[in-house]
Protein backbone atom coordinates (compact mmCIF):
# COMPACT_ATOMS: atom_id res chain seq x y z
CA MET A 1 58.53 78.99 81.27
CA ILE A 2 57.14 80.23 84.61
CA ARG A 3 54.48 77.85 86.01
CA PRO A 4 53.02 77.02 89.53
CA THR A 5 55.30 74.83 91.72
CA ARG A 6 54.30 71.35 91.93
CA PRO A 7 55.04 69.13 95.00
CA ASP A 8 57.49 67.00 92.89
CA ASP A 9 59.51 70.19 92.44
CA THR A 10 60.60 70.33 96.12
CA ALA A 11 63.65 68.38 95.95
CA ALA A 12 65.17 70.28 93.01
CA ILE A 13 64.21 73.67 94.47
CA LEU A 14 65.84 72.67 97.94
CA ALA A 15 68.97 71.62 95.90
CA LEU A 16 68.87 74.98 94.19
CA ALA A 17 68.50 76.85 97.60
CA VAL A 18 71.68 75.10 98.90
CA SER A 19 73.66 75.63 95.71
CA SER A 20 72.85 79.33 95.92
CA GLY A 21 74.61 79.71 99.23
CA LEU A 22 71.43 81.13 100.86
CA PHE A 23 70.68 78.08 102.84
CA PRO A 24 73.02 75.39 104.49
CA GLN A 25 72.41 71.72 103.68
CA ASP A 26 70.74 71.32 106.99
CA GLY A 27 68.79 74.58 107.09
CA THR A 28 66.23 73.88 104.34
CA GLY A 29 63.43 72.54 106.53
CA VAL A 30 61.48 75.88 106.87
CA LEU A 31 61.64 76.21 103.08
CA ALA A 32 60.43 72.58 102.60
CA SER A 33 57.56 73.24 104.86
CA ALA A 34 56.60 76.42 102.99
CA LEU A 35 56.77 74.66 99.76
CA GLN A 36 54.20 72.07 101.18
CA GLY A 37 51.71 74.82 101.70
CA GLU A 38 52.33 75.44 105.32
CA LEU A 39 52.18 79.19 104.87
CA GLY A 40 48.54 79.10 103.62
CA PRO A 41 46.73 79.28 100.40
CA ASP A 42 47.40 82.82 99.79
CA HIS A 43 51.04 82.28 99.24
CA VAL A 44 51.63 81.20 95.58
CA TRP A 45 55.03 79.58 94.54
CA LEU A 46 56.16 79.92 91.06
CA THR A 47 58.96 77.94 89.35
CA ASP A 48 61.00 78.82 86.38
CA ASP A 49 61.18 75.55 84.42
CA ASP A 50 63.59 74.90 81.74
CA GLY A 51 63.49 71.12 81.61
CA GLY A 52 63.51 71.11 85.50
CA PRO A 53 63.39 73.94 88.08
CA VAL A 54 65.90 76.60 87.57
CA GLY A 55 64.52 79.40 89.84
CA VAL A 56 61.57 79.86 92.41
CA ALA A 57 59.75 82.82 93.69
CA TYR A 58 56.56 83.29 95.67
CA TYR A 59 54.04 86.19 96.13
CA ALA A 60 51.65 86.85 98.93
CA PRO A 61 49.25 89.51 100.04
CA GLU A 62 50.44 92.38 101.97
CA ARG A 63 48.69 92.62 105.33
CA LEU A 64 46.39 95.36 106.17
CA THR A 65 46.04 96.48 102.53
CA ASP A 66 43.44 95.62 99.67
CA GLY A 67 45.02 94.24 96.55
CA THR A 68 48.49 94.61 97.22
CA TRP A 69 50.99 91.74 96.88
CA ASN A 70 54.54 91.29 97.67
CA LEU A 71 57.01 89.15 95.29
CA TYR A 72 59.62 87.43 97.26
């Protein structure tokens, strides 16, 4: 099930980021800040939940456009 990410998902998502090889163990600070909403209210995080987070994505509006969003 895909659902909005909750604050209590942060630790599991950071562990996923490290296990993917995309982030070193000591390089998840920026991701943690982003998950806590520091990117702003227009950035929406989604979590694929299968008894716990198994994936994550976020989408945000494209600057200088009207109604265009990017999925990251």
